[in-house]
């Protein structure tokens, strides 16, 4: 009887068990170290494309090999953006967008929020996934920042939904603010908050 049952169960090829787990889309890590800017250099001139990946296995390999934001030197920015989108206001995907921003005085909190955000992005956990451009971890001397960039700042309903979901993902209760990239371009001081959740 046991041999009949075993004969009825098809053998699974070994190759099938080792197939990578594909993501919905490709993502790219970027790095920008502004701690030693060259005199007269344009913003973004130190921005470097890191790695592009499209499987769960590649993500974990890269994440485990790359330093956590808390290990970066002050004035370093680390980015994860959809492949083909540069983490710049001038990129067509970002030009009409904005960003949700969270600050942190605790390096371990920054690391945790960063990882939770990365997993939510590559796992397509936001209802408005097409509105998401990427995320930036900004390591600073006094206070670190995490910013979730989106595509269409004027779409208030989508931005509010993204903001609420992000707060849930990173497990915070304090208010977070959304600013338009256009405001940031025009104002030398911190841009005004357009939305809050």
N, C-alpha and C. Protein backbone atom coordinates (compact mmCIF):
# COMPACT_ATOMS: atom_id res chain seq x y z
N UNK A 1 0.83 -1.20 0.00
CA UNK A 1 0.00 0.00 0.00
C UNK A 1 0.86 1.26 0.00
N UNK A 2 1.88 1.27 0.87
CA UNK A 2 2.77 2.44 0.95
C UNK A 2 3.49 2.67 -0.36
N UNK A 3 3.87 1.58 -1.04
CA UNK A 3 4.58 1.74 -2.31
C UNK A 3 3.64 2.28 -3.40
N UNK A 4 2.34 1.93 -3.32
CA UNK A 4 1.38 2.45 -4.29
C UNK A 4 1.17 3.94 -4.09
N UNK A 5 1.09 4.39 -2.82
CA UNK A 5 0.93 5.81 -2.52
C UNK A 5 2.16 6.58 -2.99
N UNK A 6 3.35 6.04 -2.70
CA UNK A 6 4.59 6.69 -3.11
C UNK A 6 4.68 6.79 -4.62
N UNK A 7 4.21 5.78 -5.32
CA UNK A 7 4.25 5.79 -6.78
C UNK A 7 3.30 6.83 -7.36
N UNK A 8 2.20 7.11 -6.65
CA UNK A 8 1.21 8.07 -7.12
C UNK A 8 1.65 9.52 -6.93
N UNK A 9 2.61 9.77 -6.04
CA UNK A 9 3.08 11.13 -5.77
C UNK A 9 4.21 11.45 -6.74
N UNK A 10 4.02 12.47 -7.57
CA UNK A 10 5.07 12.79 -8.54
C UNK A 10 6.32 13.33 -7.83
N UNK A 11 7.46 13.01 -8.41
CA UNK A 11 8.72 13.53 -7.86
C UNK A 11 8.86 14.99 -8.24
N UNK A 12 9.32 15.79 -7.28
CA UNK A 12 9.56 17.21 -7.54
C UNK A 12 11.02 17.36 -7.92
N UNK A 13 11.28 17.90 -9.10
CA UNK A 13 12.68 18.07 -9.49
C UNK A 13 13.41 18.98 -8.51
N UNK A 14 14.67 18.68 -8.26
CA UNK A 14 15.47 19.46 -7.31
C UNK A 14 15.55 20.91 -7.75
N UNK A 15 15.64 21.17 -9.07
CA UNK A 15 15.74 22.54 -9.57
C UNK A 15 14.52 23.38 -9.17
N UNK A 16 13.33 22.78 -9.15
CA UNK A 16 12.11 23.50 -8.81
C UNK A 16 12.14 23.99 -7.37
N UNK A 17 12.78 23.23 -6.50
CA UNK A 17 12.85 23.63 -5.10
C UNK A 17 13.76 24.83 -4.90
N UNK A 18 14.69 25.06 -5.83
CA UNK A 18 15.68 26.12 -5.66
C UNK A 18 15.38 27.36 -6.49
N UNK A 19 14.19 27.44 -7.07
CA UNK A 19 13.83 28.60 -7.88
C UNK A 19 13.76 29.84 -6.98
N UNK A 20 14.34 30.97 -7.42
CA UNK A 20 14.26 32.20 -6.62
C UNK A 20 12.83 32.72 -6.57
N UNK A 21 12.55 33.46 -5.54
CA UNK A 21 11.21 34.04 -5.35
C UNK A 21 11.21 35.45 -5.95
N UNK A 22 10.59 35.55 -7.13
CA UNK A 22 10.57 36.81 -7.88
C UNK A 22 9.69 37.85 -7.18
N UNK A 23 10.14 39.10 -7.22
CA UNK A 23 9.36 40.23 -6.72
C UNK A 23 8.50 40.77 -7.87
N UNK A 24 7.54 41.62 -7.53
CA UNK A 24 6.67 42.23 -8.55
C UNK A 24 7.46 43.09 -9.52
N UNK A 25 8.54 43.71 -9.02
CA UNK A 25 9.32 44.63 -9.83
C UNK A 25 10.77 44.64 -9.35
N UNK A 26 11.62 45.30 -10.10
CA UNK A 26 13.02 45.46 -9.70
C UNK A 26 13.16 46.69 -8.81
N UNK A 27 14.13 46.63 -7.89
CA UNK A 27 14.44 47.74 -6.97
C UNK A 27 15.95 47.99 -7.02
N UNK A 28 16.33 49.23 -6.75
CA UNK A 28 17.75 49.59 -6.79
C UNK A 28 18.15 50.31 -5.50
N UNK A 29 19.28 49.88 -4.92
CA UNK A 29 19.89 50.59 -3.80
C UNK A 29 20.80 51.68 -4.36
N UNK A 30 20.78 52.85 -3.73
CA UNK A 30 21.65 53.98 -4.07
C UNK A 30 22.34 54.45 -2.79
N UNK A 31 23.49 55.09 -2.94
CA UNK A 31 24.23 55.62 -1.80
C UNK A 31 24.73 57.02 -2.13
N UNK A 32 24.67 57.91 -1.16
CA UNK A 32 25.14 59.28 -1.34
C UNK A 32 25.84 59.71 -0.06
N UNK A 33 27.12 59.97 -0.13
CA UNK A 33 27.88 60.42 1.04
C UNK A 33 28.24 61.89 0.85
N UNK A 34 27.53 62.76 1.57
CA UNK A 34 27.73 64.20 1.45
C UNK A 34 28.67 64.75 2.51
N UNK A 35 29.37 63.87 3.22
CA UNK A 35 30.24 64.33 4.30
C UNK A 35 31.48 65.06 3.77
N UNK A 36 31.88 64.77 2.52
CA UNK A 36 33.04 65.44 1.94
C UNK A 36 32.68 65.99 0.56
N UNK A 37 31.79 66.99 0.51
CA UNK A 37 31.40 67.50 -0.80
C UNK A 37 32.55 68.28 -1.45
N UNK A 38 32.65 68.12 -2.77
CA UNK A 38 33.66 68.87 -3.51
C UNK A 38 33.15 70.28 -3.69
N UNK A 39 34.06 71.26 -3.55
CA UNK A 39 33.68 72.66 -3.67
C UNK A 39 33.05 72.92 -5.04
N UNK A 40 31.86 73.48 -5.05
CA UNK A 40 31.18 73.81 -6.29
C UNK A 40 30.49 72.64 -6.97
N UNK A 41 30.52 71.47 -6.36
CA UNK A 41 29.89 70.30 -6.98
C UNK A 41 28.37 70.43 -6.92
N UNK A 42 27.71 70.01 -7.96
CA UNK A 42 26.24 70.05 -8.01
C UNK A 42 25.67 69.01 -7.07
N UNK A 43 24.45 69.32 -6.55
CA UNK A 43 23.80 68.35 -5.68
C UNK A 43 23.59 67.07 -6.47
N UNK A 44 23.82 65.95 -5.82
CA UNK A 44 23.62 64.66 -6.46
C UNK A 44 24.85 64.14 -7.17
N UNK A 45 25.92 64.95 -7.22
CA UNK A 45 27.13 64.49 -7.92
C UNK A 45 27.81 63.34 -7.19
N UNK A 46 27.53 63.19 -5.89
CA UNK A 46 28.12 62.07 -5.14
C UNK A 46 27.18 60.88 -5.05
N UNK A 47 26.00 60.98 -5.68
CA UNK A 47 25.02 59.89 -5.68
C UNK A 47 25.54 58.74 -6.52
N UNK A 48 25.54 57.54 -5.95
CA UNK A 48 26.05 56.36 -6.65
C UNK A 48 25.00 55.25 -6.65
N UNK A 49 24.81 54.67 -7.83
CA UNK A 49 23.91 53.53 -7.97
C UNK A 49 24.61 52.31 -7.39
N UNK A 50 23.92 51.58 -6.54
CA UNK A 50 24.50 50.40 -5.92
C UNK A 50 24.12 49.14 -6.67
N UNK A 51 23.07 48.48 -6.22
CA UNK A 51 22.67 47.19 -6.78
C UNK A 51 21.20 47.20 -7.14
N UNK A 52 20.88 46.50 -8.21
CA UNK A 52 19.49 46.30 -8.61
C UNK A 52 19.17 44.82 -8.40
N UNK A 53 17.99 44.56 -7.85
CA UNK A 53 17.60 43.18 -7.57
C UNK A 53 16.13 42.98 -7.87
N UNK A 54 15.73 41.70 -8.05
CA UNK A 54 14.32 41.42 -8.30
C UNK A 54 13.86 40.10 -7.68
N UNK A 55 14.65 39.58 -6.72
CA UNK A 55 14.21 38.37 -6.00
C UNK A 55 14.38 38.59 -4.49
N UNK A 56 13.63 37.82 -3.73
CA UNK A 56 13.71 37.87 -2.27
C UNK A 56 15.12 37.48 -1.82
N UNK A 57 15.68 36.47 -2.46
CA UNK A 57 17.01 35.99 -2.08
C UNK A 57 18.08 37.06 -2.31
N UNK A 58 17.99 37.77 -3.43
CA UNK A 58 18.96 38.84 -3.70
C UNK A 58 18.83 39.95 -2.66
N UNK A 59 17.58 40.29 -2.32
CA UNK A 59 17.36 41.33 -1.32
C UNK A 59 18.06 40.98 -0.02
N UNK A 60 17.83 39.76 0.49
CA UNK A 60 18.41 39.39 1.79
C UNK A 60 19.93 39.31 1.72
N UNK A 61 20.44 38.85 0.60
CA UNK A 61 21.89 38.80 0.43
C UNK A 61 22.47 40.22 0.49
N UNK A 62 21.85 41.14 -0.25
CA UNK A 62 22.33 42.53 -0.25
C UNK A 62 22.15 43.18 1.11
N UNK A 63 20.97 42.99 1.69
CA UNK A 63 20.70 43.62 2.99
C UNK A 63 21.70 43.12 4.04
N UNK A 64 21.97 41.84 4.06
CA UNK A 64 22.89 41.28 5.06
C UNK A 64 24.34 41.71 4.82
N UNK A 65 24.69 42.05 3.57
CA UNK A 65 26.05 42.47 3.26
C UNK A 65 26.27 43.97 3.38
N UNK A 66 25.19 44.73 3.33
CA UNK A 66 25.29 46.20 3.35
C UNK A 66 25.06 46.68 4.77
N UNK A 67 25.82 47.71 5.15
CA UNK A 67 25.69 48.26 6.50
C UNK A 67 24.28 48.77 6.75
N UNK A 68 23.88 48.68 7.98
CA UNK A 68 22.63 49.27 8.41
C UNK A 68 22.83 50.79 8.45
N UNK A 69 21.76 51.58 8.29
CA UNK A 69 21.92 53.03 8.32
C UNK A 69 22.65 53.53 9.57
N UNK A 70 22.46 52.86 10.69
CA UNK A 70 23.11 53.33 11.93
C UNK A 70 24.63 53.21 11.87
N UNK A 71 25.14 52.41 10.94
CA UNK A 71 26.59 52.26 10.80
C UNK A 71 27.19 53.24 9.81
N UNK A 72 26.37 54.02 9.12
CA UNK A 72 26.88 54.97 8.13
C UNK A 72 27.46 56.19 8.84
N UNK A 73 28.36 56.86 8.16
CA UNK A 73 28.91 58.10 8.71
C UNK A 73 27.86 59.20 8.59
N UNK A 74 27.95 60.22 9.45
CA UNK A 74 26.99 61.34 9.35
C UNK A 74 27.02 61.96 7.95
N UNK A 75 25.87 62.44 7.51
CA UNK A 75 25.66 63.05 6.20
C UNK A 75 25.60 62.04 5.06
N UNK A 76 25.43 60.78 5.37
CA UNK A 76 25.25 59.76 4.34
C UNK A 76 23.75 59.51 4.14
N UNK A 77 23.38 59.28 2.90
CA UNK A 77 22.00 58.92 2.56
C UNK A 77 22.02 57.58 1.86
N UNK A 78 21.09 56.72 2.25
CA UNK A 78 20.96 55.42 1.61
C UNK A 78 19.55 55.34 1.07
N UNK A 79 19.40 54.88 -0.17
CA UNK A 79 18.12 54.91 -0.86
C UNK A 79 17.75 53.53 -1.38
N UNK A 80 16.46 53.25 -1.41
CA UNK A 80 15.93 52.11 -2.15
C UNK A 80 14.79 52.67 -3.00
N UNK A 81 14.97 52.64 -4.33
CA UNK A 81 13.97 53.16 -5.25
C UNK A 81 13.64 52.11 -6.30
N UNK A 82 12.45 52.26 -6.89
CA UNK A 82 12.08 51.38 -7.98
C UNK A 82 13.15 51.50 -9.06
N UNK A 83 13.50 50.39 -9.68
CA UNK A 83 14.49 50.41 -10.75
C UNK A 83 14.02 51.36 -11.85
N UNK A 84 14.95 52.17 -12.34
CA UNK A 84 14.63 53.15 -13.37
C UNK A 84 14.26 54.51 -12.83
N UNK A 85 14.10 54.63 -11.51
CA UNK A 85 13.78 55.91 -10.87
C UNK A 85 14.99 56.35 -10.06
N UNK A 86 15.51 57.55 -10.37
CA UNK A 86 16.64 58.07 -9.60
C UNK A 86 16.11 58.83 -8.39
N UNK A 87 16.78 58.75 -7.25
CA UNK A 87 16.31 59.45 -6.06
C UNK A 87 16.65 60.95 -6.12
N UNK A 88 16.04 61.63 -7.09
CA UNK A 88 16.23 63.06 -7.30
C UNK A 88 14.88 63.70 -7.62
N UNK A 89 14.71 64.94 -7.19
CA UNK A 89 13.48 65.66 -7.51
C UNK A 89 13.28 65.76 -9.02
N UNK A 90 14.39 65.83 -9.76
CA UNK A 90 14.30 66.05 -11.20
C UNK A 90 13.85 64.81 -11.97
N UNK A 91 13.91 63.64 -11.37
CA UNK A 91 13.48 62.43 -12.07
C UNK A 91 11.99 62.58 -12.42
N UNK A 92 11.59 62.25 -13.65
CA UNK A 92 10.19 62.41 -14.05
C UNK A 92 9.19 61.73 -13.11
N UNK A 93 9.56 60.60 -12.52
CA UNK A 93 8.65 59.91 -11.59
C UNK A 93 8.49 60.67 -10.28
N UNK A 94 9.48 61.47 -9.91
CA UNK A 94 9.48 62.17 -8.63
C UNK A 94 9.10 63.65 -8.75
N UNK A 95 9.18 64.20 -9.96
CA UNK A 95 9.06 65.64 -10.17
C UNK A 95 7.80 66.27 -9.58
N UNK A 96 6.68 65.59 -9.65
CA UNK A 96 5.42 66.13 -9.13
C UNK A 96 5.03 65.52 -7.79
N UNK A 97 6.02 64.93 -7.13
CA UNK A 97 5.73 64.20 -5.90
C UNK A 97 6.10 64.94 -4.64
N UNK A 98 6.27 64.15 -3.60
CA UNK A 98 6.62 64.68 -2.29
C UNK A 98 7.09 63.53 -1.42
N UNK A 99 7.12 63.79 -0.11
CA UNK A 99 7.62 62.75 0.78
C UNK A 99 7.01 62.85 2.17
N UNK A 100 6.79 61.66 2.74
CA UNK A 100 6.45 61.53 4.16
C UNK A 100 7.77 61.42 4.90
N UNK A 101 7.89 62.07 6.06
CA UNK A 101 9.16 62.05 6.79
C UNK A 101 8.96 61.73 8.25
N UNK A 102 9.86 60.87 8.74
CA UNK A 102 9.91 60.49 10.16
C UNK A 102 11.32 60.80 10.64
N UNK A 103 11.44 61.36 11.84
CA UNK A 103 12.76 61.60 12.42
C UNK A 103 13.00 60.61 13.56
N UNK A 104 14.30 60.40 13.84
CA UNK A 104 14.65 59.46 14.90
C UNK A 104 15.92 59.92 15.60
N UNK A 105 15.89 59.86 16.91
CA UNK A 105 17.08 60.16 17.71
C UNK A 105 17.77 58.87 18.16
N UNK A 106 17.21 57.75 17.78
CA UNK A 106 17.71 56.45 18.23
C UNK A 106 18.12 55.62 17.02
N UNK A 107 19.40 55.28 16.92
CA UNK A 107 19.92 54.55 15.76
C UNK A 107 19.26 53.19 15.58
N UNK A 108 18.97 52.49 16.67
CA UNK A 108 18.34 51.17 16.50
C UNK A 108 16.91 51.32 15.98
N UNK A 109 16.21 52.40 16.35
CA UNK A 109 14.88 52.65 15.80
C UNK A 109 14.96 52.91 14.30
N UNK A 110 15.98 53.68 13.89
CA UNK A 110 16.17 53.95 12.46
C UNK A 110 16.37 52.65 11.70
N UNK A 111 17.23 51.77 12.21
CA UNK A 111 17.48 50.49 11.56
C UNK A 111 16.20 49.67 11.44
N UNK A 112 15.42 49.63 12.48
CA UNK A 112 14.18 48.85 12.49
C UNK A 112 13.17 49.43 11.49
N UNK A 113 12.98 50.76 11.52
CA UNK A 113 12.04 51.40 10.60
C UNK A 113 12.48 51.22 9.15
N UNK A 114 13.79 51.31 8.92
CA UNK A 114 14.35 51.12 7.58
C UNK A 114 14.02 49.71 7.06
N UNK A 115 14.31 48.70 7.85
CA UNK A 115 14.07 47.32 7.42
C UNK A 115 12.58 47.08 7.20
N UNK A 116 11.73 47.54 8.12
CA UNK A 116 10.29 47.33 7.97
C UNK A 116 9.77 48.01 6.70
N UNK A 117 10.31 49.20 6.40
CA UNK A 117 9.89 49.92 5.20
C UNK A 117 10.35 49.19 3.95
N UNK A 118 11.60 48.73 3.93
CA UNK A 118 12.10 47.98 2.78
C UNK A 118 11.23 46.76 2.50
N UNK A 119 10.91 46.01 3.54
CA UNK A 119 10.10 44.80 3.35
C UNK A 119 8.69 45.15 2.85
N UNK A 120 8.12 46.25 3.36
CA UNK A 120 6.79 46.67 2.89
C UNK A 120 6.83 47.08 1.42
N UNK A 121 7.91 47.75 1.02
CA UNK A 121 8.01 48.19 -0.37
C UNK A 121 8.17 47.00 -1.32
N UNK A 122 9.15 46.15 -1.07
CA UNK A 122 9.39 45.05 -2.01
C UNK A 122 8.28 44.01 -1.94
N UNK A 123 7.56 43.98 -0.81
CA UNK A 123 6.42 43.08 -0.66
C UNK A 123 5.12 43.66 -1.17
N UNK A 124 5.18 44.89 -1.73
CA UNK A 124 4.00 45.55 -2.31
C UNK A 124 2.85 45.63 -1.31
N UNK A 125 3.13 46.08 -0.08
CA UNK A 125 2.11 46.11 0.97
C UNK A 125 1.25 47.37 0.96
N UNK A 126 1.59 48.36 0.14
CA UNK A 126 0.80 49.60 0.09
C UNK A 126 -0.30 49.46 -0.96
N UNK A 127 -1.51 49.96 -0.63
CA UNK A 127 -2.62 49.91 -1.59
C UNK A 127 -2.29 50.67 -2.86
N UNK A 128 -1.58 51.78 -2.72
CA UNK A 128 -1.22 52.61 -3.87
C UNK A 128 0.25 52.40 -4.23
N UNK A 129 0.62 51.15 -4.52
CA UNK A 129 2.02 50.81 -4.84
C UNK A 129 2.58 51.64 -5.99
N UNK A 130 1.74 51.96 -6.97
CA UNK A 130 2.23 52.71 -8.13
C UNK A 130 2.58 54.15 -7.76
N UNK A 131 2.08 54.62 -6.62
CA UNK A 131 2.41 55.98 -6.15
C UNK A 131 3.77 56.05 -5.46
N UNK A 132 4.30 54.92 -5.05
CA UNK A 132 5.56 54.90 -4.30
C UNK A 132 6.75 54.99 -5.26
N UNK A 133 7.70 55.87 -4.95
CA UNK A 133 8.95 55.97 -5.72
C UNK A 133 10.07 55.22 -4.99
N UNK A 134 10.17 55.45 -3.68
CA UNK A 134 11.22 54.81 -2.90
C UNK A 134 11.34 55.40 -1.51
N UNK A 135 12.41 55.04 -0.83
CA UNK A 135 12.63 55.49 0.55
C UNK A 135 14.09 55.91 0.72
N UNK A 136 14.31 56.91 1.57
CA UNK A 136 15.65 57.43 1.84
C UNK A 136 15.90 57.41 3.34
N UNK A 137 17.03 56.83 3.75
CA UNK A 137 17.49 56.92 5.14
C UNK A 137 18.61 57.95 5.16
N UNK A 138 18.42 59.03 5.91
CA UNK A 138 19.42 60.11 6.01
C UNK A 138 20.02 60.10 7.40
N UNK A 139 21.31 59.74 7.45
CA UNK A 139 22.01 59.67 8.73
C UNK A 139 22.62 61.04 9.01
N UNK A 140 22.29 61.61 10.16
CA UNK A 140 22.78 62.93 10.51
C UNK A 140 23.38 62.91 11.92
N UNK A 141 24.18 63.91 12.23
CA UNK A 141 24.86 63.98 13.52
C UNK A 141 23.86 64.02 14.68
N UNK A 142 22.84 64.89 14.55
CA UNK A 142 21.91 65.10 15.66
C UNK A 142 20.63 64.29 15.55
N UNK A 143 20.07 64.22 14.34
CA UNK A 143 18.78 63.54 14.20
C UNK A 143 18.69 62.90 12.81
N UNK A 144 18.40 61.62 12.77
CA UNK A 144 18.29 60.89 11.51
C UNK A 144 16.88 61.06 10.96
N UNK A 145 16.75 60.81 9.64
CA UNK A 145 15.44 60.91 8.98
C UNK A 145 15.22 59.72 8.08
N UNK A 146 13.97 59.37 7.96
CA UNK A 146 13.54 58.38 6.99
C UNK A 146 12.44 59.05 6.19
N UNK A 147 12.56 59.05 4.85
CA UNK A 147 11.57 59.72 4.00
C UNK A 147 11.06 58.76 2.94
N UNK A 148 9.75 58.65 2.86
CA UNK A 148 9.09 57.81 1.87
C UNK A 148 8.62 58.71 0.73
N UNK A 149 9.24 58.57 -0.44
CA UNK A 149 8.95 59.42 -1.60
C UNK A 149 7.79 58.84 -2.40
N UNK A 150 6.90 59.75 -2.84
CA UNK A 150 5.76 59.34 -3.65
C UNK A 150 5.70 60.18 -4.92
N UNK A 151 4.87 59.76 -5.84
CA UNK A 151 4.85 60.28 -7.21
C UNK A 151 3.94 61.49 -7.44
N UNK A 152 2.74 61.50 -6.87
CA UNK A 152 1.76 62.54 -7.18
C UNK A 152 1.33 63.24 -5.90
N UNK A 153 2.03 64.31 -5.55
CA UNK A 153 1.77 65.01 -4.29
C UNK A 153 0.34 65.52 -4.18
N UNK A 154 -0.23 65.97 -5.29
CA UNK A 154 -1.57 66.55 -5.27
C UNK A 154 -2.67 65.52 -5.03
N UNK A 155 -2.37 64.24 -5.15
CA UNK A 155 -3.37 63.19 -4.92
C UNK A 155 -3.46 62.94 -3.41
N UNK A 156 -4.22 63.80 -2.74
CA UNK A 156 -4.30 63.76 -1.28
C UNK A 156 -4.81 62.43 -0.75
N UNK A 157 -5.82 61.87 -1.39
CA UNK A 157 -6.38 60.60 -0.89
C UNK A 157 -5.32 59.50 -0.90
N UNK A 158 -4.56 59.41 -1.98
CA UNK A 158 -3.51 58.38 -2.06
C UNK A 158 -2.43 58.65 -1.02
N UNK A 159 -2.02 59.91 -0.88
CA UNK A 159 -0.95 60.24 0.06
C UNK A 159 -1.37 59.96 1.51
N UNK A 160 -2.60 60.27 1.85
CA UNK A 160 -3.08 60.00 3.20
C UNK A 160 -3.11 58.49 3.47
N UNK A 161 -3.56 57.72 2.49
CA UNK A 161 -3.57 56.26 2.64
C UNK A 161 -2.17 55.71 2.82
N UNK A 162 -1.22 56.23 2.04
CA UNK A 162 0.18 55.79 2.14
C UNK A 162 0.74 56.16 3.51
N UNK A 163 0.48 57.39 3.95
CA UNK A 163 0.98 57.84 5.26
C UNK A 163 0.46 56.98 6.41
N UNK A 164 -0.84 56.67 6.38
CA UNK A 164 -1.42 55.83 7.43
C UNK A 164 -0.81 54.43 7.43
N UNK A 165 -0.67 53.87 6.22
CA UNK A 165 -0.11 52.52 6.12
C UNK A 165 1.35 52.52 6.58
N UNK A 166 2.11 53.55 6.22
CA UNK A 166 3.52 53.60 6.62
C UNK A 166 3.66 53.67 8.13
N UNK A 167 2.82 54.48 8.79
CA UNK A 167 2.86 54.54 10.25
C UNK A 167 2.62 53.16 10.87
N UNK A 168 1.69 52.42 10.27
CA UNK A 168 1.40 51.07 10.74
C UNK A 168 2.61 50.15 10.52
N UNK A 169 3.24 50.26 9.36
CA UNK A 169 4.39 49.42 9.00
C UNK A 169 5.56 49.65 9.97
N UNK A 170 5.84 50.94 10.26
CA UNK A 170 7.00 51.26 11.11
C UNK A 170 6.63 51.36 12.58
N UNK A 171 5.35 51.13 12.88
CA UNK A 171 4.87 51.04 14.26
C UNK A 171 5.17 52.29 15.09
N UNK A 172 4.67 53.43 14.58
CA UNK A 172 4.78 54.67 15.36
C UNK A 172 3.40 55.26 15.56
N UNK A 173 3.27 56.06 16.62
CA UNK A 173 1.98 56.70 16.91
C UNK A 173 2.03 58.21 16.75
N UNK A 174 3.23 58.81 16.81
CA UNK A 174 3.30 60.27 16.66
C UNK A 174 2.97 60.69 15.23
N UNK A 175 2.57 61.95 15.08
CA UNK A 175 2.18 62.46 13.77
C UNK A 175 3.39 62.51 12.84
N UNK A 176 3.13 62.23 11.56
CA UNK A 176 4.15 62.40 10.54
C UNK A 176 3.61 63.37 9.49
N UNK A 177 4.51 64.05 8.80
CA UNK A 177 4.13 65.11 7.85
C UNK A 177 4.57 64.79 6.44
N UNK A 178 3.81 65.34 5.49
CA UNK A 178 4.09 65.18 4.07
C UNK A 178 4.39 66.55 3.48
N UNK A 179 5.48 66.64 2.73
CA UNK A 179 5.82 67.90 2.05
C UNK A 179 5.95 67.66 0.56
N UNK A 180 5.62 68.69 -0.23
CA UNK A 180 5.73 68.61 -1.69
C UNK A 180 7.17 68.92 -2.08
N UNK A 181 7.70 68.23 -3.08
CA UNK A 181 9.04 68.54 -3.58
C UNK A 181 9.09 69.97 -4.13
N UNK A 182 7.99 70.45 -4.75
CA UNK A 182 7.97 71.82 -5.28
C UNK A 182 8.21 72.84 -4.17
N UNK A 183 7.62 72.61 -3.00
CA UNK A 183 7.83 73.52 -1.87
C UNK A 183 9.28 73.48 -1.42
N UNK A 184 9.86 72.31 -1.40
CA UNK A 184 11.26 72.16 -0.98
C UNK A 184 12.20 72.89 -1.95
N UNK A 185 11.88 72.85 -3.23
CA UNK A 185 12.71 73.54 -4.24
C UNK A 185 12.66 75.05 -4.07
N UNK A 186 11.47 75.58 -3.70
CA UNK A 186 11.28 77.03 -3.62
C UNK A 186 11.74 77.62 -2.29
N UNK A 187 11.65 76.85 -1.21
CA UNK A 187 11.90 77.40 0.12
C UNK A 187 13.27 76.97 0.63
N UNK A 188 14.04 77.94 1.12
CA UNK A 188 15.37 77.61 1.64
C UNK A 188 15.27 76.96 3.03
N UNK A 189 14.25 77.31 3.77
CA UNK A 189 14.06 76.67 5.08
C UNK A 189 13.25 75.39 4.90
N UNK A 190 12.97 74.71 5.99
CA UNK A 190 12.20 73.46 5.92
C UNK A 190 10.85 73.73 5.26
N UNK A 191 10.47 72.91 4.30
CA UNK A 191 9.19 73.13 3.61
C UNK A 191 8.01 72.91 4.55
N UNK A 192 6.91 73.60 4.22
CA UNK A 192 5.73 73.45 5.07
C UNK A 192 5.11 72.08 4.88
N UNK A 193 4.42 71.66 5.89
CA UNK A 193 3.74 70.38 5.87
C UNK A 193 2.41 70.55 5.14
N UNK A 194 2.13 69.71 4.17
CA UNK A 194 0.87 69.77 3.42
C UNK A 194 -0.17 68.83 3.99
N UNK A 195 0.27 67.63 4.42
CA UNK A 195 -0.64 66.64 5.02
C UNK A 195 -0.01 66.12 6.29
N UNK A 196 -0.86 65.64 7.19
CA UNK A 196 -0.38 64.99 8.42
C UNK A 196 -1.27 63.81 8.75
N UNK A 197 -0.65 62.76 9.27
CA UNK A 197 -1.44 61.64 9.77
C UNK A 197 -0.87 61.25 11.12
